[in-house]
């Protein structure tokens, strides 16, 4: 984790359901009430993903940022699509990787970096159920080994 970053929310389910191939940092376009809600850690990335549209823009779909309580009529839609800020070169590279079979773009975490909200995106490949069981078994064996070492 970086020195100047503070997590807003982490997508724990992503590391369980996907094999992470590559990660990168992206900016995100938010309105004022969304930023205030993020400062209160009122966001969720569960079941969210990123997509690249025909205009070569990257969008975060399905991320939930709660309504800000003091926002009154200027509040935002909690589940709207949000534009991600990446360079053209990064978008072209991601587009090539996404077109490979089984790859997808998923957000791993939402965090503050130097006062700005950032998204950690990952190019990931979906795990099969036997891969998940294998990962859980490895974690259990590691945990047991650490317990035996402590004793």
Protein backbone atom coordinates (compact mmCIF):
# COMPACT_ATOMS: atom_id res chain seq x y z
CA UNK A 1 0.00 0.00 0.00
CA UNK A 2 1.20 3.53 -0.74
CA UNK A 3 2.31 5.97 1.96
CA UNK A 4 -0.08 8.83 1.13
CA UNK A 5 -3.20 6.71 0.51
CA UNK A 6 -6.23 6.01 2.70
CA UNK A 7 -8.63 3.22 1.75
CA UNK A 8 -12.27 4.16 1.30
CA UNK A 9 -13.41 0.65 0.44
CA UNK A 10 -11.84 -2.62 -0.66
CA UNK A 11 -13.41 -5.22 -2.97
CA UNK A 12 -12.50 -8.39 -1.02
CA UNK A 13 -14.67 -10.59 -3.18
CA UNK A 14 -12.56 -9.71 -6.24
CA UNK A 15 -9.41 -11.47 -5.03
CA UNK A 16 -11.47 -14.56 -4.18
CA UNK A 17 -13.36 -14.75 -7.49
CA UNK A 18 -10.58 -13.64 -9.87
CA UNK A 19 -6.89 -14.21 -10.57
CA UNK A 20 -5.30 -10.75 -10.73
CA UNK A 21 -3.02 -10.37 -13.75
CA UNK A 22 -2.15 -6.65 -13.60
CA UNK A 23 -3.16 -3.58 -11.57
CA UNK A 24 -3.14 0.13 -12.30
CA UNK A 25 -4.31 3.38 -10.74
CA UNK A 26 -7.05 5.48 -12.34
CA UNK A 27 -8.68 8.77 -11.42
CA UNK A 28 -12.46 8.94 -11.17
CA UNK A 29 -14.90 11.74 -12.04
CA UNK A 30 -17.14 12.43 -9.03
CA UNK A 31 -19.55 15.18 -8.01
CA UNK A 32 -19.15 17.01 -4.69
CA UNK A 33 -21.63 14.97 -2.66
CA UNK A 34 -19.97 11.74 -3.82
CA UNK A 35 -16.58 12.90 -2.52
CA UNK A 36 -18.12 13.87 0.82
CA UNK A 37 -19.80 10.47 1.04
CA UNK A 38 -16.44 8.80 0.25
CA UNK A 39 -14.81 10.74 3.09
CA UNK A 40 -17.33 9.03 5.39
CA UNK A 41 -16.39 5.60 3.86
CA UNK A 42 -19.93 5.14 2.47
CA UNK A 43 -19.04 3.27 -0.72
CA UNK A 44 -19.08 -0.29 -2.02
CA UNK A 45 -17.39 -1.98 -4.99
CA UNK A 46 -19.15 -5.36 -4.67
CA UNK A 47 -20.40 -6.61 -8.08
CA UNK A 48 -18.87 -3.63 -9.89
CA UNK A 49 -16.71 -3.74 -13.00
CA UNK A 50 -15.17 -1.40 -15.57
CA UNK A 51 -15.91 -1.34 -19.29
CA UNK A 52 -14.42 0.40 -22.30
CA UNK A 53 -17.06 1.93 -24.57
CA UNK A 54 -16.97 2.68 -28.31
CA UNK A 55 -15.52 6.17 -27.70
CA UNK A 56 -12.49 4.59 -25.98
CA UNK A 57 -13.57 5.86 -22.56
CA UNK A 58 -13.42 3.71 -19.43
CA UNK A 59 -16.49 3.62 -17.16
CA UNK A 60 -16.96 2.18 -13.67
CA UNK A 61 -20.30 0.33 -13.61
CA UNK A 62 -22.18 -0.89 -10.56
CA UNK A 63 -20.15 0.90 -7.87
CA UNK A 64 -22.39 2.14 -5.06
CA UNK A 65 -21.63 5.46 -3.33
CA UNK A 66 -24.31 6.26 -0.74
CA UNK A 67 -26.29 9.48 -0.78
CA UNK A 68 -24.72 12.24 1.35
CA UNK A 69 -27.06 13.04 4.25
CA UNK A 70 -26.63 16.84 4.09
CA UNK A 71 -26.76 16.86 0.28
CA UNK A 72 -30.49 17.77 -0.08
CA UNK A 73 -31.55 18.32 -3.72
CA UNK A 74 -27.97 18.36 -5.00
CA UNK A 75 -27.45 14.69 -4.15
CA UNK A 76 -26.25 12.18 -6.70
CA UNK A 77 -27.63 8.88 -8.02
CA UNK A 78 -25.88 6.21 -5.89
CA UNK A 79 -25.39 3.63 -8.68
CA UNK A 80 -24.63 5.83 -11.70
CA UNK A 81 -21.83 4.98 -14.13
CA UNK A 82 -18.67 6.96 -13.35
CA UNK A 83 -15.98 7.90 -15.85
CA UNK A 84 -12.43 6.77 -15.10
CA UNK A 85 -9.47 8.93 -16.04
CA UNK A 86 -6.72 7.10 -17.93
CA UNK A 87 -4.34 8.08 -20.71
CA UNK A 88 -5.03 6.95 -24.30
CA UNK A 89 -2.02 4.64 -24.21
CA UNK A 90 -3.27 2.95 -21.01
CA UNK A 91 -6.76 2.57 -22.48
CA UNK A 92 -5.39 0.98 -25.68
CA UNK A 93 -3.27 -1.43 -23.62
CA UNK A 94 -6.26 -2.37 -21.42
CA UNK A 95 -8.46 -2.81 -24.49
CA UNK A 96 -6.00 -5.33 -25.98
CA UNK A 97 -5.82 -7.25 -22.69
CA UNK A 98 -9.60 -7.29 -22.21
CA UNK A 99 -10.19 -8.75 -25.67
CA UNK A 100 -8.35 -11.92 -24.63
CA UNK A 101 -10.77 -14.66 -23.66
CA UNK A 102 -11.82 -14.65 -20.01
CA UNK A 103 -10.20 -11.32 -19.04
CA UNK A 104 -12.17 -8.53 -17.41
CA UNK A 105 -11.58 -5.18 -15.69
CA UNK A 106 -12.53 -5.04 -12.02
CA UNK A 107 -11.96 -2.42 -9.30
CA UNK A 108 -9.96 -3.68 -6.31
CA UNK A 109 -10.19 -0.65 -4.04
CA UNK A 110 -11.26 2.97 -3.83
CA UNK A 111 -8.87 5.25 -1.95
CA UNK A 112 -7.64 8.80 -1.40
CA UNK A 113 -4.22 9.70 -2.77
CA UNK A 114 -3.06 13.25 -2.00
CA UNK A 115 -6.67 14.39 -1.52
CA UNK A 116 -7.96 12.88 -4.78
CA UNK A 117 -10.18 9.80 -5.05
CA UNK A 118 -8.50 7.03 -7.03
CA UNK A 119 -9.52 3.54 -8.15
CA UNK A 120 -7.16 0.58 -8.26
CA UNK A 121 -8.20 -1.34 -11.38
CA UNK A 122 -7.15 -4.88 -12.17
CA UNK A 123 -7.08 -6.94 -15.33
CA UNK A 124 -8.35 -10.26 -14.04
CA UNK A 125 -9.32 -13.72 -15.18
CA UNK A 126 -12.23 -15.50 -13.50
CA UNK A 127 -11.42 -18.46 -11.24
CA UNK A 128 -13.17 -21.77 -11.53
CA UNK A 129 -14.71 -23.33 -8.44
CA UNK A 130 -11.87 -25.85 -8.03
CA UNK A 131 -9.34 -22.96 -8.16
CA UNK A 132 -11.21 -21.27 -5.32
CA UNK A 133 -11.20 -24.44 -3.22
CA UNK A 134 -7.48 -24.85 -3.87
CA UNK A 135 -6.78 -21.27 -2.77
CA UNK A 136 -8.79 -21.76 0.43
CA UNK A 137 -6.92 -25.02 1.15
CA UNK A 138 -3.54 -23.27 0.70
CA UNK A 139 -4.59 -20.48 3.07
CA UNK A 140 -5.69 -23.01 5.69
CA UNK A 141 -2.42 -24.94 5.42
CA UNK A 142 -0.41 -21.72 5.73
CA UNK A 143 -2.42 -20.65 8.78
CA UNK A 144 -1.89 -24.06 10.44
CA UNK A 145 1.85 -23.92 9.73
CA UNK A 146 2.09 -20.44 11.28
CA UNK A 147 0.23 -21.65 14.38
CA UNK A 148 2.62 -24.59 14.80
CA UNK A 149 5.64 -22.27 14.46
CA UNK A 150 4.26 -19.96 17.20
CA UNK A 151 3.87 -22.89 19.60
